[in-house]
Amino acid sequence: RHEYPCEIGDTIQLGNASYTVAAADVPGVMCPRAFVFGTTYAN
């Protein structure tokens, strides 16, 4: 959420698919992860 503000439960449209936010870092705090979005390989 430091890079893309949102809330858990929000829906994000990526391409032709809709994704539900299941986990999110604390807003406004530098994200310790190297990637803004994380999902499964299949999705």
All heavy atoms as atom14 arrays in JSON, in Angstrom:
{
  "sequence": "RHEYPCEIGDTIQLGNASYTVAAADVPGVMCPRAFVFGTTYAN",
  "atom14_mask": [
    [1, 1, 1, 1, 1, 1, 1, 1, 1, 1, 1, 0, 0, 0],
    [1, 1, 1, 1, 1, 1, 1, 1, 1, 1, 0, 0, 0, 0],
    [1, 1, 1, 1, 1, 1, 1, 1, 1, 0, 0, 0, 0, 0],
    [1, 1, 1, 1, 1, 1, 1, 1, 1, 1, 1, 1, 0, 0],
    [1, 1, 1, 1, 1, 1, 1, 0, 0, 0, 0, 0, 0, 0],
    [1, 1, 1, 1, 1, 1, 0, 0, 0, 0, 0, 0, 0, 0],
    [1, 1, 1, 1, 1, 1, 1, 1, 1, 0, 0, 0, 0, 0],
    [1, 1, 1, 1, 1, 1, 1, 1, 0, 0, 0, 0, 0, 0],
    [1, 1, 1, 1, 0, 0, 0, 0, 0, 0, 0, 0, 0, 0],
    [1, 1, 1, 1, 1, 1, 1, 1, 0, 0, 0, 0, 0, 0],
    [1, 1, 1, 1, 1, 1, 1, 0, 0, 0, 0, 0, 0, 0],
    [1, 1, 1, 1, 1, 1, 1, 1, 0, 0, 0, 0, 0, 0],
    [1, 1, 1, 1, 1, 1, 1, 1, 1, 0, 0, 0, 0, 0],
    [1, 1, 1, 1, 1, 1, 1, 1, 0, 0, 0, 0, 0, 0],
    [1, 1, 1, 1, 0, 0, 0, 0, 0, 0, 0, 0, 0, 0],
    [1, 1, 1, 1, 1, 1, 1, 1, 0, 0, 0, 0, 0, 0],
    [1, 1, 1, 1, 1, 0, 0, 0, 0, 0, 0, 0, 0, 0],
    [1, 1, 1, 1, 1, 1, 0, 0, 0, 0, 0, 0, 0, 0],
    [1, 1, 1, 1, 1, 1, 1, 1, 1, 1, 1, 1, 0, 0],
    [1, 1, 1, 1, 1, 1, 1, 0, 0, 0, 0, 0, 0, 0],
    [1, 1, 1, 1, 1, 1, 1, 0, 0, 0, 0, 0, 0, 0],
    [1, 1, 1, 1, 1, 0, 0, 0, 0, 0, 0, 0, 0, 0],
    [1, 1, 1, 1, 1, 0, 0, 0, 0, 0, 0, 0, 0, 0],
    [1, 1, 1, 1, 1, 0, 0, 0, 0, 0, 0, 0, 0, 0],
    [1, 1, 1, 1, 1, 1, 1, 1, 0, 0, 0, 0, 0, 0],
    [1, 1, 1, 1, 1, 1, 1, 0, 0, 0, 0, 0, 0, 0],
    [1, 1, 1, 1, 1, 1, 1, 0, 0, 0, 0, 0, 0, 0],
    [1, 1, 1, 1, 0, 0, 0, 0, 0, 0, 0, 0, 0, 0],
    [1, 1, 1, 1, 1, 1, 1, 0, 0, 0, 0, 0, 0, 0],
    [1, 1, 1, 1, 1, 1, 1, 1, 0, 0, 0, 0, 0, 0],
    [1, 1, 1, 1, 1, 1, 0, 0, 0, 0, 0, 0, 0, 0],
    [1, 1, 1, 1, 1, 1, 1, 0, 0, 0, 0, 0, 0, 0],
    [1, 1, 1, 1, 1, 1, 1, 1, 1, 1, 1, 0, 0, 0],
    [1, 1, 1, 1, 1, 0, 0, 0, 0, 0, 0, 0, 0, 0],
    [1, 1, 1, 1, 1, 1, 1, 1, 1, 1, 1, 0, 0, 0],
    [1, 1, 1, 1, 1, 1, 1, 0, 0, 0, 0, 0, 0, 0],
    [1, 1, 1, 1, 1, 1, 1, 1, 1, 1, 1, 0, 0, 0],
    [1, 1, 1, 1, 0, 0, 0, 0, 0, 0, 0, 0, 0, 0],
    [1, 1, 1, 1, 1, 1, 1, 0, 0, 0, 0, 0, 0, 0],
    [1, 1, 1, 1, 1, 1, 1, 0, 0, 0, 0, 0, 0, 0],
    [1, 1, 1, 1, 1, 1, 1, 1, 1, 1, 1, 1, 0, 0],
    [1, 1, 1, 1, 1, 0, 0, 0, 0, 0, 0, 0, 0, 0],
    [1, 1, 1, 1, 1, 1, 1, 1, 0, 0, 0, 0, 0, 0]
  ],
  "atom14_positions": [
    [[0.81, -1.23, 0.0], [0.0, 0.0, 0.0], [0.84, 1.28, 0.0], [0.31, 2.36, -0.2], [-0.96, -0.02, 1.2], [-2.09, -1.03, 1.01], [-3.16, -0.86, 2.06], [-2.76, -1.42, 3.33], [-3.58, -1.54, 4.38], [-4.83, -1.12, 4.29], [-3.16, -2.08, 5.5], [0.0, 0.0, 0.0], [0.0, 0.0, 0.0], [0.0, 0.0, 0.0]],
    [[2.13, 1.15, 0.24], [2.99, 2.32, 0.12], [3.07, 2.77, -1.34], [3.2, 3.95, -1.64], [4.4, 2.0, 0.65], [5.36, 3.13, 0.53], [5.34, 4.21, 1.37], [6.36, 3.36, -0.35], [6.3, 5.06, 1.03], [6.93, 4.57, -0.02], [0.0, 0.0, 0.0], [0.0, 0.0, 0.0], [0.0, 0.0, 0.0], [0.0, 0.0, 0.0]],
    [[2.97, 1.78, -2.25], [3.04, 2.07, -3.68], [1.66, 2.21, -4.31], [1.47, 3.01, -5.22], [3.82, 0.95, -4.39], [5.23, 0.76, -3.89], [6.15, 1.9, -4.28], [5.77, 2.65, -5.21], [7.21, 2.06, -3.66], [0.0, 0.0, 0.0], [0.0, 0.0, 0.0], [0.0, 0.0, 0.0], [0.0, 0.0, 0.0], [0.0, 0.0, 0.0]],
    [[0.69, 1.42, -3.81], [-0.65, 1.47, -4.38], [-1.67, 1.45, -3.24], [-1.98, 0.39, -2.69], [-0.88, 0.28, -5.31], [-2.21, 0.34, -6.04], [-2.35, 1.08, -7.21], [-3.34, -0.32, -5.54], [-3.56, 1.15, -7.88], [-4.56, -0.25, -6.18], [-4.66, 0.48, -7.35], [-5.87, 0.55, -8.01], [0.0, 0.0, 0.0], [0.0, 0.0, 0.0]],
    [[-2.18, 2.6, -2.81], [-3.1, 2.66, -1.68], [-4.38, 1.87, -1.94], [-5.0, 1.99, -3.01], [-3.4, 4.16, -1.55], [-2.26, 4.84, -2.23], [-1.86, 3.92, -3.35], [0.0, 0.0, 0.0], [0.0, 0.0, 0.0], [0.0, 0.0, 0.0], [0.0, 0.0, 0.0], [0.0, 0.0, 0.0], [0.0, 0.0, 0.0], [0.0, 0.0, 0.0]],
    [[-4.78, 1.06, -0.99], [-6.02, 0.29, -1.09], [-6.33, -0.29, 0.27], [-5.6, -0.07, 1.23], [-5.89, -0.84, -2.13], [-4.67, -2.07, -1.67], [0.0, 0.0, 0.0], [0.0, 0.0, 0.0], [0.0, 0.0, 0.0], [0.0, 0.0, 0.0], [0.0, 0.0, 0.0], [0.0, 0.0, 0.0], [0.0, 0.0, 0.0], [0.0, 0.0, 0.0]],
    [[-7.44, -1.03, 0.37], [-7.84, -1.68, 1.61], [-8.1, -3.16, 1.35], [-8.42, -3.55, 0.22], [-9.1, -1.03, 2.19], [-8.95, 0.44, 2.55], [-7.98, 0.67, 3.69], [-7.79, -0.27, 4.5], [-7.39, 1.77, 3.77], [0.0, 0.0, 0.0], [0.0, 0.0, 0.0], [0.0, 0.0, 0.0], [0.0, 0.0, 0.0], [0.0, 0.0, 0.0]],
    [[-7.94, -3.97, 2.39], [-8.24, -5.39, 2.26], [-9.72, -5.57, 1.91], [-10.59, -4.96, 2.53], [-7.89, -6.15, 3.55], [-6.37, -6.11, 3.78], [-8.39, -7.59, 3.51], [-5.92, -6.77, 5.06], [0.0, 0.0, 0.0], [0.0, 0.0, 0.0], [0.0, 0.0, 0.0], [0.0, 0.0, 0.0], [0.0, 0.0, 0.0], [0.0, 0.0, 0.0]],
    [[-9.98, -6.37, 0.92], [-11.34, -6.58, 0.45], [-11.67, -5.8, -0.81], [-12.68, -6.07, -1.47], [0.0, 0.0, 0.0], [0.0, 0.0, 0.0], [0.0, 0.0, 0.0], [0.0, 0.0, 0.0], [0.0, 0.0, 0.0], [0.0, 0.0, 0.0], [0.0, 0.0, 0.0], [0.0, 0.0, 0.0], [0.0, 0.0, 0.0], [0.0, 0.0, 0.0]],
    [[-10.82, -4.8, -1.14], [-11.03, -4.04, -2.38], [-10.84, -4.94, -3.6], [-10.18, -5.97, -3.54], [-10.05, -2.86, -2.45], [-10.42, -1.74, -1.49], [-11.49, -1.85, -0.85], [-9.64, -0.78, -1.37], [0.0, 0.0, 0.0], [0.0, 0.0, 0.0], [0.0, 0.0, 0.0], [0.0, 0.0, 0.0], [0.0, 0.0, 0.0], [0.0, 0.0, 0.0]],
    [[-11.4, -4.5, -4.7], [-11.24, -5.2, -5.98], [-10.34, -4.39, -6.89], [-10.53, -3.18, -7.05], [-12.59, -5.44, -6.65], [-13.41, -6.24, -5.79], [-12.42, -6.15, -7.98], [0.0, 0.0, 0.0], [0.0, 0.0, 0.0], [0.0, 0.0, 0.0], [0.0, 0.0, 0.0], [0.0, 0.0, 0.0], [0.0, 0.0, 0.0], [0.0, 0.0, 0.0]],
    [[-9.36, -5.06, -7.48], [-8.42, -4.41, -8.4], [-8.54, -5.1, -9.75], [-8.47, -6.32, -9.84], [-6.98, -4.47, -7.87], [-6.87, -3.73, -6.55], [-6.01, -3.9, -8.89], [-5.48, -3.79, -5.93], [0.0, 0.0, 0.0], [0.0, 0.0, 0.0], [0.0, 0.0, 0.0], [0.0, 0.0, 0.0], [0.0, 0.0, 0.0], [0.0, 0.0, 0.0]],
    [[-8.69, -4.31, -10.78], [-8.79, -4.84, -12.14], [-7.42, -4.82, -12.81], [-6.84, -3.77, -13.05], [-9.79, -4.01, -12.96], [-10.13, -4.6, -14.32], [-11.06, -5.79, -14.22], [-11.79, -5.94, -13.23], [-11.02, -6.65, -15.23], [0.0, 0.0, 0.0], [0.0, 0.0, 0.0], [0.0, 0.0, 0.0], [0.0, 0.0, 0.0], [0.0, 0.0, 0.0]],
    [[-6.9, -6.01, -13.09], [-5.63, -6.14, -13.79], [-5.88, -6.86, -15.1], [-6.19, -8.05, -15.13], [-4.61, -6.93, -12.95], [-4.16, -6.27, -11.64], [-3.23, -7.18, -10.88], [-3.5, -4.93, -11.91], [0.0, 0.0, 0.0], [0.0, 0.0, 0.0], [0.0, 0.0, 0.0], [0.0, 0.0, 0.0], [0.0, 0.0, 0.0], [0.0, 0.0, 0.0]],
    [[-5.8, -6.13, -16.19], [-6.11, -6.72, -17.48], [-7.59, -7.05, -17.57], [-8.46, -6.23, -17.28], [0.0, 0.0, 0.0], [0.0, 0.0, 0.0], [0.0, 0.0, 0.0], [0.0, 0.0, 0.0], [0.0, 0.0, 0.0], [0.0, 0.0, 0.0], [0.0, 0.0, 0.0], [0.0, 0.0, 0.0], [0.0, 0.0, 0.0], [0.0, 0.0, 0.0]],
    [[-7.89, -8.3, -17.93], [-9.27, -8.76, -18.05], [-9.78, -9.44, -16.79], [-10.9, -9.96, -16.78], [-9.4, -9.72, -19.24], [-9.07, -9.05, -20.56], [-9.37, -7.87, -20.76], [-8.42, -9.79, -21.46], [0.0, 0.0, 0.0], [0.0, 0.0, 0.0], [0.0, 0.0, 0.0], [0.0, 0.0, 0.0], [0.0, 0.0, 0.0], [0.0, 0.0, 0.0]],
    [[-8.98, -9.48, -15.73], [-9.36, -10.21, -14.53], [-9.48, -9.28, -13.33], [-8.79, -8.25, -13.24], [-8.35, -11.31, -14.23], [0.0, 0.0, 0.0], [0.0, 0.0, 0.0], [0.0, 0.0, 0.0], [0.0, 0.0, 0.0], [0.0, 0.0, 0.0], [0.0, 0.0, 0.0], [0.0, 0.0, 0.0], [0.0, 0.0, 0.0], [0.0, 0.0, 0.0]],
    [[-10.39, -9.64, -12.42], [-10.58, -8.9, -11.18], [-9.94, -9.66, -10.02], [-10.1, -10.88, -9.9], [-12.08, -8.69, -10.91], [-12.68, -7.93, -11.93], [0.0, 0.0, 0.0], [0.0, 0.0, 0.0], [0.0, 0.0, 0.0], [0.0, 0.0, 0.0], [0.0, 0.0, 0.0], [0.0, 0.0, 0.0], [0.0, 0.0, 0.0], [0.0, 0.0, 0.0]],
    [[-9.24, -8.94, -9.17], [-8.55, -9.54, -8.03], [-9.05, -8.91, -6.73], [-9.27, -7.7, -6.66], [-7.04, -9.34, -8.13], [-6.4, -10.07, -9.29], [-6.46, -9.55, -10.58], [-5.74, -11.27, -9.1], [-5.88, -10.21, -11.65], [-5.15, -11.94, -10.16], [-5.21, -11.41, -11.43], [-4.64, -12.07, -12.49], [0.0, 0.0, 0.0], [0.0, 0.0, 0.0]],
    [[-9.22, -9.76, -5.71], [-9.61, -9.28, -4.39], [-8.37, -9.13, -3.52], [-7.55, -10.05, -3.44], [-10.58, -10.27, -3.72], [-11.73, -10.43, -4.54], [-11.0, -9.76, -2.35], [0.0, 0.0, 0.0], [0.0, 0.0, 0.0], [0.0, 0.0, 0.0], [0.0, 0.0, 0.0], [0.0, 0.0, 0.0], [0.0, 0.0, 0.0], [0.0, 0.0, 0.0]],
    [[-8.22, -7.99, -2.88], [-7.06, -7.75, -2.02], [-7.21, -8.59, -0.75], [-8.11, -8.37, 0.06], [-6.94, -6.26, -1.66], [-5.75, -6.04, -0.73], [-6.8, -5.41, -2.92], [0.0, 0.0, 0.0], [0.0, 0.0, 0.0], [0.0, 0.0, 0.0], [0.0, 0.0, 0.0], [0.0, 0.0, 0.0], [0.0, 0.0, 0.0], [0.0, 0.0, 0.0]],
    [[-6.34, -9.58, -0.6], [-6.39, -10.48, 0.56], [-5.39, -10.1, 1.63], [-5.54, -10.46, 2.8], [-6.15, -11.92, 0.11], [0.0, 0.0, 0.0], [0.0, 0.0, 0.0], [0.0, 0.0, 0.0], [0.0, 0.0, 0.0], [0.0, 0.0, 0.0], [0.0, 0.0, 0.0], [0.0, 0.0, 0.0], [0.0, 0.0, 0.0], [0.0, 0.0, 0.0]],
    [[-4.33, -9.39, 1.25], [-3.3, -8.98, 2.2], [-2.71, -7.66, 1.74], [-2.61, -7.41, 0.53], [-2.22, -10.04, 2.31], [0.0, 0.0, 0.0], [0.0, 0.0, 0.0], [0.0, 0.0, 0.0], [0.0, 0.0, 0.0], [0.0, 0.0, 0.0], [0.0, 0.0, 0.0], [0.0, 0.0, 0.0], [0.0, 0.0, 0.0], [0.0, 0.0, 0.0]],
    [[-2.35, -6.82, 2.68], [-1.79, -5.52, 2.33], [-0.89, -5.04, 3.45], [-1.14, -5.3, 4.63], [-2.91, -4.51, 2.08], [0.0, 0.0, 0.0], [0.0, 0.0, 0.0], [0.0, 0.0, 0.0], [0.0, 0.0, 0.0], [0.0, 0.0, 0.0], [0.0, 0.0, 0.0], [0.0, 0.0, 0.0], [0.0, 0.0, 0.0], [0.0, 0.0, 0.0]],
    [[0.16, -4.34, 3.09], [1.07, -3.78, 4.08], [0.47, -2.51, 4.68], [-0.52, -1.97, 4.18], [2.41, -3.45, 3.43], [3.1, -4.7, 2.9], [3.52, -5.51, 3.72], [3.19, -4.85, 1.67], [0.0, 0.0, 0.0], [0.0, 0.0, 0.0], [0.0, 0.0, 0.0], [0.0, 0.0, 0.0], [0.0, 0.0, 0.0], [0.0, 0.0, 0.0]],
    [[1.07, -2.06, 5.75], [0.59, -0.86, 6.43], [0.7, 0.33, 5.49], [1.77, 0.57, 4.9], [1.4, -0.59, 7.7], [0.94, 0.69, 8.39], [1.28, -1.78, 8.66], [0.0, 0.0, 0.0], [0.0, 0.0, 0.0], [0.0, 0.0, 0.0], [0.0, 0.0, 0.0], [0.0, 0.0, 0.0], [0.0, 0.0, 0.0], [0.0, 0.0, 0.0]],
    [[-0.37, 1.1, 5.29], [-0.31, 2.23, 4.36], [0.65, 3.31, 4.83], [0.77, 3.58, 6.03], [-1.76, 2.75, 4.35], [-2.34, 2.28, 5.65], [-1.69, 0.96, 5.92], [0.0, 0.0, 0.0], [0.0, 0.0, 0.0], [0.0, 0.0, 0.0], [0.0, 0.0, 0.0], [0.0, 0.0, 0.0], [0.0, 0.0, 0.0], [0.0, 0.0, 0.0]],
    [[1.38, 3.87, 3.88], [2.3, 4.95, 4.21], [3.65, 4.5, 4.72], [4.55, 5.31, 4.91], [0.0, 0.0, 0.0], [0.0, 0.0, 0.0], [0.0, 0.0, 0.0], [0.0, 0.0, 0.0], [0.0, 0.0, 0.0], [0.0, 0.0, 0.0], [0.0, 0.0, 0.0], [0.0, 0.0, 0.0], [0.0, 0.0, 0.0], [0.0, 0.0, 0.0]],
    [[3.82, 3.19, 4.95], [5.09, 2.66, 5.44], [5.81, 1.98, 4.28], [5.19, 1.25, 3.51], [4.86, 1.66, 6.59], [6.19, 1.06, 7.04], [4.16, 2.36, 7.75], [0.0, 0.0, 0.0], [0.0, 0.0, 0.0], [0.0, 0.0, 0.0], [0.0, 0.0, 0.0], [0.0, 0.0, 0.0], [0.0, 0.0, 0.0], [0.0, 0.0, 0.0]],
    [[7.12, 2.22, 4.17], [7.88, 1.63, 3.08], [7.73, 0.12, 3.07], [7.95, -0.55, 4.09], [9.36, 2.0, 3.2], [10.22, 1.5, 2.06], [9.77, 2.24, 0.47], [10.38, 3.91, 0.69], [0.0, 0.0, 0.0], [0.0, 0.0, 0.0], [0.0, 0.0, 0.0], [0.0, 0.0, 0.0], [0.0, 0.0, 0.0], [0.0, 0.0, 0.0]],
    [[7.32, -0.43, 1.95], [7.06, -1.87, 1.84], [8.38, -2.64, 1.86], [9.29, -2.33, 1.08], [6.3, -2.15, 0.54], [5.9, -3.87, 0.3], [0.0, 0.0, 0.0], [0.0, 0.0, 0.0], [0.0, 0.0, 0.0], [0.0, 0.0, 0.0], [0.0, 0.0, 0.0], [0.0, 0.0, 0.0], [0.0, 0.0, 0.0], [0.0, 0.0, 0.0]],
    [[8.51, -3.64, 2.73], [9.76, -4.4, 2.79], [9.91, -5.37, 1.62], [10.99, -5.89, 1.38], [9.63, -5.16, 4.11], [8.16, -5.33, 4.31], [7.53, -4.1, 3.73], [0.0, 0.0, 0.0], [0.0, 0.0, 0.0], [0.0, 0.0, 0.0], [0.0, 0.0, 0.0], [0.0, 0.0, 0.0], [0.0, 0.0, 0.0], [0.0, 0.0, 0.0]],
    [[8.82, -5.62, 0.89], [8.88, -6.56, -0.22], [9.35, -5.87, -1.49], [9.19, -4.67, -1.67], [7.52, -7.23, -0.43], [7.07, -8.05, 0.77], [5.76, -8.76, 0.49], [4.63, -7.83, 0.44], [3.87, -7.65, -0.61], [4.1, -8.31, -1.72], [2.85, -6.81, -0.59], [0.0, 0.0, 0.0], [0.0, 0.0, 0.0], [0.0, 0.0, 0.0]],
    [[9.87, -6.66, -2.42], [10.42, -6.1, -3.66], [9.35, -5.88, -4.72], [9.63, -5.24, -5.73], [11.49, -7.05, -4.2], [0.0, 0.0, 0.0], [0.0, 0.0, 0.0], [0.0, 0.0, 0.0], [0.0, 0.0, 0.0], [0.0, 0.0, 0.0], [0.0, 0.0, 0.0], [0.0, 0.0, 0.0], [0.0, 0.0, 0.0], [0.0, 0.0, 0.0]],
    [[8.13, -6.41, -4.5], [7.09, -6.31, -5.51], [5.85, -5.61, -4.95], [5.49, -5.8, -3.78], [6.71, -7.71, -6.02], [7.86, -8.44, -6.65], [8.69, -9.25, -5.89], [8.12, -8.31, -8.01], [9.76, -9.9, -6.47], [9.19, -8.96, -8.6], [10.01, -9.76, -7.83], [0.0, 0.0, 0.0], [0.0, 0.0, 0.0], [0.0, 0.0, 0.0]],
    [[5.19, -4.84, -5.8], [4.0, -4.12, -5.38], [2.82, -5.08, -5.25], [2.06, -5.04, -4.28], [3.66, -3.0, -6.37], [2.38, -2.28, -5.95], [4.82, -2.01, -6.46], [0.0, 0.0, 0.0], [0.0, 0.0, 0.0], [0.0, 0.0, 0.0], [0.0, 0.0, 0.0], [0.0, 0.0, 0.0], [0.0, 0.0, 0.0], [0.0, 0.0, 0.0]],
    [[2.66, -5.97, -6.23], [1.57, -6.94, -6.21], [2.13, -8.35, -6.08], [3.18, -8.66, -6.64], [0.73, -6.84, -7.49], [0.01, -5.54, -7.67], [0.19, -4.78, -8.81], [-0.84, -5.07, -6.69], [-0.48, -3.57, -8.99], [-1.51, -3.86, -6.84], [-1.32, -3.11, -7.99], [0.0, 0.0, 0.0], [0.0, 0.0, 0.0], [0.0, 0.0, 0.0]],
    [[1.39, -9.18, -5.38], [1.76, -10.58, -5.25], [0.54, -11.45, -5.42], [-0.52, -11.18, -4.85], [0.0, 0.0, 0.0], [0.0, 0.0, 0.0], [0.0, 0.0, 0.0], [0.0, 0.0, 0.0], [0.0, 0.0, 0.0], [0.0, 0.0, 0.0], [0.0, 0.0, 0.0], [0.0, 0.0, 0.0], [0.0, 0.0, 0.0], [0.0, 0.0, 0.0]],
    [[0.64, -12.49, -6.22], [-0.48, -13.4, -6.43], [0.07, -14.81, -6.64], [1.27, -15.05, -6.46], [-1.34, -12.95, -7.63], [-2.51, -13.76, -7.71], [-0.57, -13.03, -8.92], [0.0, 0.0, 0.0], [0.0, 0.0, 0.0], [0.0, 0.0, 0.0], [0.0, 0.0, 0.0], [0.0, 0.0, 0.0], [0.0, 0.0, 0.0], [0.0, 0.0, 0.0]],
    [[-0.8, -15.73, -7.03], [-0.35, -17.09, -7.28], [0.15, -17.22, -8.72], [-0.21, -16.42, -9.59], [-1.49, -18.1, -7.04], [-2.55, -17.83, -7.97], [-2.02, -17.97, -5.62], [0.0, 0.0, 0.0], [0.0, 0.0, 0.0], [0.0, 0.0, 0.0], [0.0, 0.0, 0.0], [0.0, 0.0, 0.0], [0.0, 0.0, 0.0], [0.0, 0.0, 0.0]],
    [[0.93, -18.21, -8.95], [1.47, -18.44, -10.29], [0.34, -18.63, -11.31], [0.38, -18.07, -12.41], [2.36, -19.69, -10.26], [2.95, -20.09, -11.59], [4.14, -19.54, -12.04], [2.31, -21.04, -12.39], [4.69, -19.92, -13.27], [2.84, -21.42, -13.61], [4.03, -20.86, -14.04], [4.56, -21.24, -15.26], [0.0, 0.0, 0.0], [0.0, 0.0, 0.0]],
    [[-0.67, -19.41, -10.9], [-1.78, -19.69, -11.82], [-2.59, -18.45, -12.16], [-3.17, -18.34, -13.24], [-2.68, -20.77, -11.23], [0.0, 0.0, 0.0], [0.0, 0.0, 0.0], [0.0, 0.0, 0.0], [0.0, 0.0, 0.0], [0.0, 0.0, 0.0], [0.0, 0.0, 0.0], [0.0, 0.0, 0.0], [0.0, 0.0, 0.0], [0.0, 0.0, 0.0]],
    [[-2.66, -17.5, -11.21], [-3.5, -16.31, -11.4], [-2.73, -15.09, -11.88], [-3.25, -13.97, -11.84], [-4.22, -15.97, -10.1], [-5.28, -17.01, -9.75], [-5.83, -17.66, -10.63], [-5.55, -17.16, -8.46], [0.0, 0.0, 0.0], [0.0, 0.0, 0.0], [0.0, 0.0, 0.0], [0.0, 0.0, 0.0], [0.0, 0.0, 0.0], [0.0, 0.0, 0.0]]
  ]
}
